[in-house]
Amino acid sequence: MPEPHEPTADEAANAARTLRSVERRRAQAHAGTGAARWVDVVFGVLTFAVLAAPDFFGSDVTGWTTPAFSALAVGYVVLLNTRRGSALLGQRARLRRSEISGRFALVARVVILAFAAIGIALALLQPDLGVHVPYWRTALGVLLGGALILFGGRMQRALASSATRERHTTGSTLNGHI
């Protein structure tokens, strides 16, 4: 049985340099998972416009703003799931589905379903509340649109980081090109 090889100082320095390079490339790749800044700005402005439109133009515009916003959201998801669409949106790489932890995916689905249920409940109960808050949709649009504009990129990076934090692998966690 051969004796274990003790690395020389040069071999250890090369290994450390290689590991630093791998970590730097991984950090660069994770930075490339988010969409371009202009996408956050456009969606923030559109979120504000869709939410504020009924306050300024009457509740009749809800008949076209809600389907338009839904179509925009579906189009965004479709673009993100194609190579050319992702490139158009400025996303150079994305996490592999196999690298996203099962716990994170479950929690994300539960949170999305909870928000959807709350939204549906509020929409159904709104006439019964009897509370009239002027320009509440505009205020909500400013909050949500502003949050997306100011924190959209950071939120994407935080979600990508927390989605893979629980799993430590030696391979790449990204699909796409850099």
N, C-alpha and C. Protein backbone atom coordinates (compact mmCIF):
# COMPACT_ATOMS: atom_id res chain seq x y z
N MET A 1 0.84 -1.17 0.00
CA MET A 1 0.00 0.00 0.00
C MET A 1 0.89 1.24 0.00
N PRO A 2 0.71 2.15 -0.97
CA PRO A 2 1.59 3.32 -1.04
C PRO A 2 1.34 4.27 0.12
N GLU A 3 2.41 4.91 0.53
CA GLU A 3 2.30 5.88 1.62
C GLU A 3 1.62 7.15 1.12
N PRO A 4 0.88 7.82 1.99
CA PRO A 4 0.23 9.07 1.57
C PRO A 4 1.26 10.12 1.19
N HIS A 5 0.92 10.87 0.17
CA HIS A 5 1.82 11.90 -0.35
C HIS A 5 1.60 13.20 0.41
N GLU A 6 2.63 13.73 0.97
CA GLU A 6 2.56 15.04 1.62
C GLU A 6 2.78 16.11 0.56
N PRO A 7 1.82 17.05 0.42
CA PRO A 7 2.01 18.08 -0.62
C PRO A 7 3.15 19.03 -0.27
N THR A 8 3.81 19.46 -1.31
CA THR A 8 4.86 20.44 -1.11
C THR A 8 4.22 21.81 -0.93
N ALA A 9 5.02 22.77 -0.55
CA ALA A 9 4.50 24.13 -0.35
C ALA A 9 3.92 24.68 -1.66
N ASP A 10 4.58 24.40 -2.78
CA ASP A 10 4.07 24.87 -4.08
C ASP A 10 2.75 24.21 -4.43
N GLU A 11 2.63 22.90 -4.17
CA GLU A 11 1.37 22.20 -4.46
C GLU A 11 0.24 22.73 -3.58
N ALA A 12 0.52 22.99 -2.32
CA ALA A 12 -0.49 23.53 -1.41
C ALA A 12 -0.91 24.93 -1.85
N ALA A 13 0.05 25.74 -2.26
CA ALA A 13 -0.28 27.10 -2.73
C ALA A 13 -1.12 27.03 -4.00
N ASN A 14 -0.79 26.12 -4.93
CA ASN A 14 -1.58 25.96 -6.15
C ASN A 14 -3.00 25.50 -5.83
N ALA A 15 -3.14 24.57 -4.88
CA ALA A 15 -4.47 24.09 -4.50
C ALA A 15 -5.29 25.21 -3.87
N ALA A 16 -4.67 26.01 -3.02
CA ALA A 16 -5.38 27.12 -2.39
C ALA A 16 -5.79 28.15 -3.44
N ARG A 17 -4.91 28.44 -4.38
CA ARG A 17 -5.22 29.39 -5.46
C ARG A 17 -6.37 28.87 -6.33
N THR A 18 -6.37 27.58 -6.61
CA THR A 18 -7.44 26.97 -7.40
C THR A 18 -8.77 27.06 -6.67
N LEU A 19 -8.77 26.77 -5.37
CA LEU A 19 -10.01 26.85 -4.59
C LEU A 19 -10.55 28.28 -4.54
N ARG A 20 -9.65 29.26 -4.38
CA ARG A 20 -10.09 30.66 -4.39
C ARG A 20 -10.67 31.03 -5.74
N SER A 21 -10.07 30.53 -6.81
CA SER A 21 -10.57 30.80 -8.15
C SER A 21 -11.95 30.18 -8.35
N VAL A 22 -12.13 28.95 -7.87
CA VAL A 22 -13.43 28.28 -7.99
C VAL A 22 -14.49 29.07 -7.23
N GLU A 23 -14.18 29.51 -6.02
CA GLU A 23 -15.16 30.27 -5.23
C GLU A 23 -15.47 31.62 -5.88
N ARG A 24 -14.46 32.26 -6.46
CA ARG A 24 -14.68 33.55 -7.15
C ARG A 24 -15.58 33.33 -8.37
N ARG A 25 -15.35 32.27 -9.13
CA ARG A 25 -16.20 31.96 -10.30
C ARG A 25 -17.62 31.62 -9.86
N ARG A 26 -17.74 30.88 -8.77
CA ARG A 26 -19.08 30.54 -8.26
C ARG A 26 -19.83 31.81 -7.85
N ALA A 27 -19.14 32.73 -7.18
CA ALA A 27 -19.77 33.99 -6.78
C ALA A 27 -20.18 34.80 -8.02
N GLN A 28 -19.33 34.82 -9.05
CA GLN A 28 -19.67 35.51 -10.29
C GLN A 28 -20.88 34.87 -10.95
N ALA A 29 -20.93 33.55 -10.94
CA ALA A 29 -22.05 32.85 -11.56
C ALA A 29 -23.35 33.12 -10.80
N HIS A 30 -23.30 33.10 -9.47
CA HIS A 30 -24.49 33.41 -8.68
C HIS A 30 -24.94 34.85 -8.91
N ALA A 31 -24.00 35.76 -9.11
CA ALA A 31 -24.37 37.14 -9.41
C ALA A 31 -25.08 37.24 -10.75
N GLY A 32 -24.82 36.31 -11.65
CA GLY A 32 -25.45 36.31 -12.96
C GLY A 32 -26.82 35.66 -13.00
N THR A 33 -27.31 35.17 -11.84
CA THR A 33 -28.62 34.52 -11.84
C THR A 33 -29.77 35.51 -11.82
N GLY A 34 -29.54 36.73 -11.45
CA GLY A 34 -30.61 37.73 -11.39
C GLY A 34 -30.85 38.38 -12.73
N ALA A 35 -32.03 38.99 -12.85
CA ALA A 35 -32.39 39.70 -14.07
C ALA A 35 -31.68 41.06 -14.10
N ALA A 36 -31.69 41.69 -15.25
CA ALA A 36 -31.08 43.00 -15.41
C ALA A 36 -31.84 44.05 -14.60
N ARG A 37 -31.19 45.11 -14.27
CA ARG A 37 -31.79 46.19 -13.46
C ARG A 37 -33.01 46.78 -14.15
N TRP A 38 -32.96 46.92 -15.47
CA TRP A 38 -34.08 47.53 -16.18
C TRP A 38 -35.35 46.71 -16.04
N VAL A 39 -35.22 45.40 -15.86
CA VAL A 39 -36.40 44.54 -15.69
C VAL A 39 -37.09 44.87 -14.36
N ASP A 40 -36.31 45.07 -13.31
CA ASP A 40 -36.88 45.45 -12.02
C ASP A 40 -37.59 46.79 -12.11
N VAL A 41 -36.99 47.74 -12.80
CA VAL A 41 -37.59 49.07 -12.94
C VAL A 41 -38.89 48.99 -13.75
N VAL A 42 -38.86 48.28 -14.87
CA VAL A 42 -40.06 48.17 -15.70
C VAL A 42 -41.19 47.48 -14.94
N PHE A 43 -40.90 46.36 -14.28
CA PHE A 43 -41.95 45.67 -13.54
C PHE A 43 -42.41 46.47 -12.32
N GLY A 44 -41.53 47.22 -11.70
CA GLY A 44 -41.94 48.08 -10.59
C GLY A 44 -42.90 49.17 -11.05
N VAL A 45 -42.57 49.82 -12.17
CA VAL A 45 -43.44 50.87 -12.71
C VAL A 45 -44.77 50.27 -13.17
N LEU A 46 -44.73 49.11 -13.83
CA LEU A 46 -45.97 48.48 -14.28
C LEU A 46 -46.83 48.02 -13.10
N THR A 47 -46.20 47.52 -12.04
CA THR A 47 -46.95 47.14 -10.84
C THR A 47 -47.66 48.35 -10.26
N PHE A 48 -46.94 49.47 -10.16
CA PHE A 48 -47.56 50.70 -9.67
C PHE A 48 -48.71 51.13 -10.57
N ALA A 49 -48.49 51.12 -11.88
CA ALA A 49 -49.52 51.59 -12.81
C ALA A 49 -50.78 50.72 -12.74
N VAL A 50 -50.61 49.41 -12.68
CA VAL A 50 -51.77 48.51 -12.63
C VAL A 50 -52.54 48.69 -11.33
N LEU A 51 -51.82 48.83 -10.22
CA LEU A 51 -52.51 48.97 -8.94
C LEU A 51 -53.14 50.36 -8.78
N ALA A 52 -52.52 51.39 -9.31
CA ALA A 52 -53.03 52.76 -9.14
C ALA A 52 -54.09 53.13 -10.17
N ALA A 53 -54.18 52.45 -11.27
CA ALA A 53 -55.12 52.83 -12.34
C ALA A 53 -56.56 52.95 -11.87
N PRO A 54 -57.10 52.02 -11.07
CA PRO A 54 -58.49 52.18 -10.63
C PRO A 54 -58.73 53.43 -9.77
N ASP A 55 -57.73 53.87 -9.02
CA ASP A 55 -57.89 55.07 -8.21
C ASP A 55 -58.00 56.33 -9.07
N PHE A 56 -57.34 56.33 -10.22
CA PHE A 56 -57.33 57.53 -11.06
C PHE A 56 -58.33 57.48 -12.21
N PHE A 57 -58.64 56.28 -12.69
CA PHE A 57 -59.51 56.17 -13.87
C PHE A 57 -60.83 55.45 -13.57
N GLY A 58 -61.08 55.12 -12.32
CA GLY A 58 -62.31 54.43 -11.96
C GLY A 58 -62.12 52.92 -11.96
N SER A 59 -63.07 52.25 -11.32
CA SER A 59 -62.94 50.80 -11.18
C SER A 59 -63.20 50.05 -12.48
N ASP A 60 -63.68 50.77 -13.53
CA ASP A 60 -63.91 50.12 -14.82
C ASP A 60 -62.62 49.63 -15.46
N VAL A 61 -61.50 50.27 -15.17
CA VAL A 61 -60.24 49.87 -15.80
C VAL A 61 -59.71 48.55 -15.25
N THR A 62 -60.25 48.11 -14.12
CA THR A 62 -59.82 46.82 -13.56
C THR A 62 -60.10 45.69 -14.54
N GLY A 63 -61.11 45.88 -15.38
CA GLY A 63 -61.45 44.87 -16.37
C GLY A 63 -60.34 44.60 -17.37
N TRP A 64 -59.47 45.57 -17.62
CA TRP A 64 -58.36 45.32 -18.55
C TRP A 64 -57.00 45.33 -17.85
N THR A 65 -56.87 45.99 -16.69
CA THR A 65 -55.55 46.02 -16.05
C THR A 65 -55.18 44.67 -15.44
N THR A 66 -56.15 44.02 -14.82
CA THR A 66 -55.85 42.73 -14.19
C THR A 66 -55.45 41.67 -15.22
N PRO A 67 -56.21 41.49 -16.32
CA PRO A 67 -55.76 40.53 -17.33
C PRO A 67 -54.43 40.93 -17.99
N ALA A 68 -54.22 42.23 -18.17
CA ALA A 68 -52.96 42.68 -18.78
C ALA A 68 -51.78 42.36 -17.87
N PHE A 69 -51.94 42.61 -16.58
CA PHE A 69 -50.86 42.31 -15.64
C PHE A 69 -50.63 40.81 -15.54
N SER A 70 -51.71 40.03 -15.56
CA SER A 70 -51.57 38.57 -15.53
C SER A 70 -50.83 38.07 -16.76
N ALA A 71 -51.17 38.61 -17.93
CA ALA A 71 -50.49 38.21 -19.17
C ALA A 71 -49.01 38.60 -19.11
N LEU A 72 -48.72 39.76 -18.55
CA LEU A 72 -47.34 40.20 -18.41
C LEU A 72 -46.56 39.25 -17.50
N ALA A 73 -47.17 38.84 -16.39
CA ALA A 73 -46.50 37.93 -15.46
C ALA A 73 -46.26 36.56 -16.11
N VAL A 74 -47.25 36.06 -16.84
CA VAL A 74 -47.09 34.77 -17.52
C VAL A 74 -46.01 34.88 -18.60
N GLY A 75 -46.01 35.98 -19.35
CA GLY A 75 -44.98 36.19 -20.36
C GLY A 75 -43.59 36.24 -19.76
N TYR A 76 -43.46 36.87 -18.60
CA TYR A 76 -42.18 36.95 -17.91
C TYR A 76 -41.68 35.55 -17.54
N VAL A 77 -42.57 34.73 -17.00
CA VAL A 77 -42.19 33.36 -16.61
C VAL A 77 -41.80 32.55 -17.84
N VAL A 78 -42.55 32.71 -18.93
CA VAL A 78 -42.23 31.98 -20.17
C VAL A 78 -40.86 32.42 -20.68
N LEU A 79 -40.59 33.72 -20.67
CA LEU A 79 -39.28 34.21 -21.12
C LEU A 79 -38.15 33.66 -20.24
N LEU A 80 -38.36 33.61 -18.93
CA LEU A 80 -37.32 33.09 -18.04
C LEU A 80 -37.02 31.62 -18.28
N ASN A 81 -37.97 30.89 -18.82
CA ASN A 81 -37.78 29.46 -19.03
C ASN A 81 -37.27 29.12 -20.42
N THR A 82 -36.88 30.12 -21.19
CA THR A 82 -36.25 29.87 -22.48
C THR A 82 -34.88 30.52 -22.48
N ARG A 83 -33.98 29.96 -23.24
CA ARG A 83 -32.62 30.50 -23.29
C ARG A 83 -32.58 31.92 -23.85
N ARG A 84 -33.28 32.15 -24.95
CA ARG A 84 -33.28 33.50 -25.55
C ARG A 84 -34.02 34.50 -24.68
N GLY A 85 -35.12 34.05 -24.07
CA GLY A 85 -35.87 34.95 -23.19
C GLY A 85 -35.05 35.36 -21.98
N SER A 86 -34.34 34.40 -21.39
CA SER A 86 -33.47 34.71 -20.25
C SER A 86 -32.38 35.70 -20.66
N ALA A 87 -31.81 35.50 -21.82
CA ALA A 87 -30.78 36.43 -22.30
C ALA A 87 -31.37 37.81 -22.52
N LEU A 88 -32.59 37.89 -23.05
CA LEU A 88 -33.25 39.17 -23.27
C LEU A 88 -33.48 39.90 -21.95
N LEU A 89 -33.81 39.15 -20.90
CA LEU A 89 -34.05 39.74 -19.59
C LEU A 89 -32.76 39.96 -18.79
N GLY A 90 -31.62 39.63 -19.37
CA GLY A 90 -30.34 39.88 -18.71
C GLY A 90 -29.92 38.82 -17.73
N GLN A 91 -30.56 37.67 -17.74
CA GLN A 91 -30.21 36.59 -16.84
C GLN A 91 -29.26 35.65 -17.56
N ARG A 92 -27.99 35.66 -17.14
CA ARG A 92 -26.98 34.87 -17.83
C ARG A 92 -26.96 33.42 -17.40
N ALA A 93 -27.44 33.13 -16.20
CA ALA A 93 -27.43 31.76 -15.68
C ALA A 93 -28.59 31.61 -14.72
N ARG A 94 -28.94 30.36 -14.41
CA ARG A 94 -29.97 30.13 -13.40
C ARG A 94 -29.63 28.86 -12.63
N LEU A 95 -30.23 28.75 -11.46
CA LEU A 95 -29.99 27.59 -10.62
C LEU A 95 -30.58 26.34 -11.26
N ARG A 96 -29.88 25.23 -11.12
CA ARG A 96 -30.44 23.96 -11.56
C ARG A 96 -31.56 23.57 -10.61
N ARG A 97 -32.60 23.00 -11.15
CA ARG A 97 -33.73 22.59 -10.31
C ARG A 97 -33.29 21.55 -9.27
N SER A 98 -32.36 20.69 -9.64
CA SER A 98 -31.92 19.66 -8.70
C SER A 98 -31.12 20.23 -7.53
N GLU A 99 -30.62 21.44 -7.67
CA GLU A 99 -29.83 22.06 -6.60
C GLU A 99 -30.67 22.88 -5.63
N ILE A 100 -31.94 23.11 -5.96
CA ILE A 100 -32.82 23.85 -5.07
C ILE A 100 -33.32 22.88 -4.00
N SER A 101 -33.15 23.24 -2.75
CA SER A 101 -33.52 22.33 -1.67
C SER A 101 -35.03 22.11 -1.65
N GLY A 102 -35.43 20.91 -1.32
CA GLY A 102 -36.84 20.56 -1.25
C GLY A 102 -37.58 21.38 -0.21
N ARG A 103 -36.94 21.64 0.91
CA ARG A 103 -37.56 22.45 1.97
C ARG A 103 -37.84 23.86 1.48
N PHE A 104 -36.88 24.47 0.80
CA PHE A 104 -37.07 25.82 0.26
C PHE A 104 -38.22 25.84 -0.73
N ALA A 105 -38.29 24.87 -1.63
CA ALA A 105 -39.36 24.83 -2.61
C ALA A 105 -40.72 24.68 -1.94
N LEU A 106 -40.80 23.85 -0.91
CA LEU A 106 -42.06 23.66 -0.19
C LEU A 106 -42.49 24.95 0.51
N VAL A 107 -41.57 25.59 1.21
CA VAL A 107 -41.89 26.84 1.90
C VAL A 107 -42.30 27.91 0.89
N ALA A 108 -41.61 28.00 -0.23
CA ALA A 108 -41.97 28.99 -1.25
C ALA A 108 -43.38 28.74 -1.79
N ARG A 109 -43.72 27.49 -2.04
CA ARG A 109 -45.07 27.19 -2.54
C ARG A 109 -46.14 27.51 -1.51
N VAL A 110 -45.87 27.20 -0.25
CA VAL A 110 -46.84 27.50 0.81
C VAL A 110 -47.04 29.00 0.95
N VAL A 111 -45.96 29.76 0.90
CA VAL A 111 -46.07 31.22 1.01
C VAL A 111 -46.85 31.79 -0.18
N ILE A 112 -46.58 31.32 -1.38
CA ILE A 112 -47.30 31.81 -2.56
C ILE A 112 -48.78 31.47 -2.45
N LEU A 113 -49.10 30.25 -2.05
CA LEU A 113 -50.50 29.86 -1.89
C LEU A 113 -51.19 30.66 -0.80
N ALA A 114 -50.48 30.95 0.29
CA ALA A 114 -51.07 31.74 1.39
C ALA A 114 -51.38 33.15 0.91
N PHE A 115 -50.46 33.77 0.18
CA PHE A 115 -50.72 35.12 -0.35
C PHE A 115 -51.87 35.11 -1.35
N ALA A 116 -51.94 34.09 -2.18
CA ALA A 116 -53.05 33.98 -3.14
C ALA A 116 -54.38 33.83 -2.40
N ALA A 117 -54.41 33.01 -1.36
CA ALA A 117 -55.64 32.82 -0.58
C ALA A 117 -56.05 34.12 0.12
N ILE A 118 -55.08 34.84 0.67
CA ILE A 118 -55.38 36.12 1.32
C ILE A 118 -55.92 37.12 0.29
N GLY A 119 -55.30 37.16 -0.89
CA GLY A 119 -55.78 38.07 -1.93
C GLY A 119 -57.19 37.75 -2.38
N ILE A 120 -57.48 36.47 -2.55
CA ILE A 120 -58.84 36.06 -2.95
C ILE A 120 -59.83 36.39 -1.85
N ALA A 121 -59.47 36.12 -0.60
CA ALA A 121 -60.37 36.43 0.52
C ALA A 121 -60.64 37.92 0.62
N LEU A 122 -59.60 38.74 0.46
CA LEU A 122 -59.80 40.18 0.51
C LEU A 122 -60.67 40.67 -0.65
N ALA A 123 -60.47 40.08 -1.82
CA ALA A 123 -61.29 40.49 -2.97
C ALA A 123 -62.75 40.12 -2.75
N LEU A 124 -63.00 38.97 -2.16
CA LEU A 124 -64.38 38.55 -1.92
C LEU A 124 -65.03 39.31 -0.77
N LEU A 125 -64.27 39.68 0.24
CA LEU A 125 -64.81 40.36 1.41
C LEU A 125 -64.82 41.88 1.29
N GLN A 126 -64.18 42.44 0.30
CA GLN A 126 -64.02 43.89 0.19
C GLN A 126 -65.36 44.63 0.27
N PRO A 127 -66.41 44.23 -0.44
CA PRO A 127 -67.66 44.98 -0.32
C PRO A 127 -68.26 44.91 1.09
N ASP A 128 -67.99 43.86 1.83
CA ASP A 128 -68.57 43.69 3.16
C ASP A 128 -67.80 44.43 4.24
N LEU A 129 -66.58 44.88 3.95
CA LEU A 129 -65.78 45.55 4.97
C LEU A 129 -66.37 46.91 5.35
N GLY A 130 -66.93 47.61 4.40
CA GLY A 130 -67.53 48.91 4.67
C GLY A 130 -66.52 49.99 5.01
N VAL A 131 -65.27 49.76 4.78
CA VAL A 131 -64.22 50.74 5.06
C VAL A 131 -63.75 51.32 3.73
N HIS A 132 -63.78 52.64 3.64
CA HIS A 132 -63.31 53.28 2.41
C HIS A 132 -62.01 54.01 2.70
N VAL A 133 -60.93 53.53 2.14
CA VAL A 133 -59.63 54.18 2.28
C VAL A 133 -59.28 54.75 0.91
N PRO A 134 -59.25 56.08 0.80
CA PRO A 134 -58.97 56.66 -0.52
C PRO A 134 -57.53 56.36 -0.97
N TYR A 135 -57.40 56.05 -2.23
CA TYR A 135 -56.11 55.82 -2.88
C TYR A 135 -55.30 54.70 -2.22
N TRP A 136 -55.96 53.69 -1.68
CA TRP A 136 -55.22 52.60 -1.06
C TRP A 136 -54.48 51.79 -2.11
N ARG A 137 -55.05 51.69 -3.30
CA ARG A 137 -54.37 50.94 -4.37
C ARG A 137 -53.10 51.68 -4.80
N THR A 138 -53.18 52.99 -4.83
CA THR A 138 -52.00 53.78 -5.21
C THR A 138 -50.90 53.60 -4.17
N ALA A 139 -51.27 53.65 -2.89
CA ALA A 139 -50.28 53.45 -1.82
C ALA A 139 -49.66 52.05 -1.92
N LEU A 140 -50.49 51.05 -2.16
CA LEU A 140 -49.98 49.69 -2.30
C LEU A 140 -49.06 49.59 -3.53
N GLY A 141 -49.44 50.25 -4.62
CA GLY A 141 -48.60 50.27 -5.82
C GLY A 141 -47.25 50.91 -5.58
N VAL A 142 -47.25 52.01 -4.81
CA VAL A 142 -45.99 52.68 -4.48
C VAL A 142 -45.11 51.75 -3.65
N LEU A 143 -45.71 51.09 -2.66
CA LEU A 143 -44.93 50.18 -1.80
C LEU A 143 -44.38 48.99 -2.58
N LEU A 144 -45.25 48.30 -3.32
CA LEU A 144 -44.80 47.10 -4.03
C LEU A 144 -43.87 47.45 -5.20
N GLY A 145 -44.26 48.44 -6.00
CA GLY A 145 -43.41 48.84 -7.12
C GLY A 145 -42.08 49.39 -6.66
N GLY A 146 -42.12 50.21 -5.60
CA GLY A 146 -40.87 50.77 -5.05
C GLY A 146 -39.97 49.69 -4.49
N ALA A 147 -40.55 48.72 -3.79
CA ALA A 147 -39.75 47.61 -3.25
C ALA A 147 -39.09 46.83 -4.38
N LEU A 148 -39.83 46.60 -5.45
CA LEU A 148 -39.27 45.87 -6.59
C LEU A 148 -38.14 46.66 -7.24
N ILE A 149 -38.34 47.96 -7.41
CA ILE A 149 -37.30 48.79 -8.04
C ILE A 149 -36.07 48.87 -7.15
N LEU A 150 -36.26 49.10 -5.86
CA LEU A 150 -35.13 49.31 -4.97
C LEU A 150 -34.44 48.02 -4.55
N PHE A 151 -35.22 46.96 -4.33
CA PHE A 151 -34.65 45.74 -3.74
C PHE A 151 -34.78 44.51 -4.62
N GLY A 152 -35.24 44.63 -5.85
CA GLY A 152 -35.48 43.47 -6.71
C GLY A 152 -34.26 42.59 -6.90
N GLY A 153 -33.14 43.19 -7.26
CA GLY A 153 -31.91 42.42 -7.48
C GLY A 153 -31.42 41.75 -6.22
N ARG A 154 -31.46 42.49 -5.10
CA ARG A 154 -31.02 41.91 -3.83
C ARG A 154 -31.93 40.77 -3.40
N MET A 155 -33.23 40.93 -3.63
CA MET A 155 -34.16 39.85 -3.27
C MET A 155 -33.90 38.61 -4.10
N GLN A 156 -33.61 38.78 -5.39
CA GLN A 156 -33.32 37.62 -6.25
C GLN A 156 -32.07 36.91 -5.79
N ARG A 157 -31.02 37.68 -5.47
CA ARG A 157 -29.78 37.05 -5.00
C ARG A 157 -29.97 36.36 -3.66
N ALA A 158 -30.75 36.96 -2.77
CA ALA A 158 -31.00 36.35 -1.46
C ALA A 158 -31.80 35.06 -1.61
N LEU A 159 -32.79 35.06 -2.49
CA LEU A 159 -33.57 33.84 -2.72
C LEU A 159 -32.71 32.75 -3.34
N ALA A 160 -31.86 33.11 -4.30
CA ALA A 160 -30.98 32.13 -4.92
C ALA A 160 -30.00 31.56 -3.90
N SER A 161 -29.50 32.42 -3.03
CA SER A 161 -28.57 31.96 -2.00
C SER A 161 -29.25 31.05 -0.99
N SER A 162 -30.44 31.43 -0.54
CA SER A 162 -31.13 30.60 0.45
C SER A 162 -31.66 29.30 -0.16
N ALA A 163 -31.93 29.31 -1.46
CA ALA A 163 -32.42 28.09 -2.11
C ALA A 163 -31.33 27.02 -2.16
N THR A 164 -30.08 27.41 -2.22
CA THR A 164 -28.99 26.44 -2.33
C THR A 164 -28.16 26.34 -1.06
N ARG A 165 -28.46 27.11 -0.05
CA ARG A 165 -27.64 27.16 1.15
C ARG A 165 -27.56 25.83 1.87
N GLU A 166 -28.64 25.07 1.89
CA GLU A 166 -28.67 23.83 2.65
C GLU A 166 -27.87 22.71 2.00
N ARG A 167 -27.63 22.81 0.72
CA ARG A 167 -26.95 21.73 0.01
C ARG A 167 -25.55 22.16 -0.35
N HIS A 168 -24.60 21.36 0.00
CA HIS A 168 -23.20 21.63 -0.34
C HIS A 168 -22.74 20.56 -1.31
N THR A 169 -22.48 20.97 -2.53
CA THR A 169 -22.04 20.01 -3.54
C THR A 169 -20.70 20.46 -4.08
N THR A 170 -20.05 19.55 -4.74
CA THR A 170 -18.77 19.90 -5.34
C THR A 170 -18.93 20.35 -6.77
N GLY A 171 -20.07 20.05 -7.39
CA GLY A 171 -20.29 20.45 -8.77
C GLY A 171 -20.91 21.83 -8.86
N SER A 172 -21.12 22.26 -10.08
CA SER A 172 -21.72 23.56 -10.30
C SER A 172 -23.21 23.50 -10.00
N THR A 173 -23.77 24.60 -9.50
CA THR A 173 -25.19 24.67 -9.18
C THR A 173 -25.94 25.46 -10.24
N LEU A 174 -25.27 25.73 -11.36
CA LEU A 174 -25.87 26.63 -12.35
C LEU A 174 -26.06 25.96 -13.69
N ASN A 175 -27.10 26.40 -14.38
CA ASN A 175 -27.32 26.04 -15.77
C ASN A 175 -27.02 27.29 -16.59
N GLY A 176 -26.72 27.11 -17.82
CA GLY A 176 -26.49 28.27 -18.69
C GLY A 176 -25.02 28.52 -18.90
N HIS A 177 -24.76 29.72 -19.37
CA HIS A 177 -23.39 30.08 -19.71
C HIS A 177 -23.01 31.34 -18.96
N ILE A 178 -21.74 31.58 -18.86
CA ILE A 178 -21.24 32.76 -18.19
C ILE A 178 -20.41 33.56 -19.15
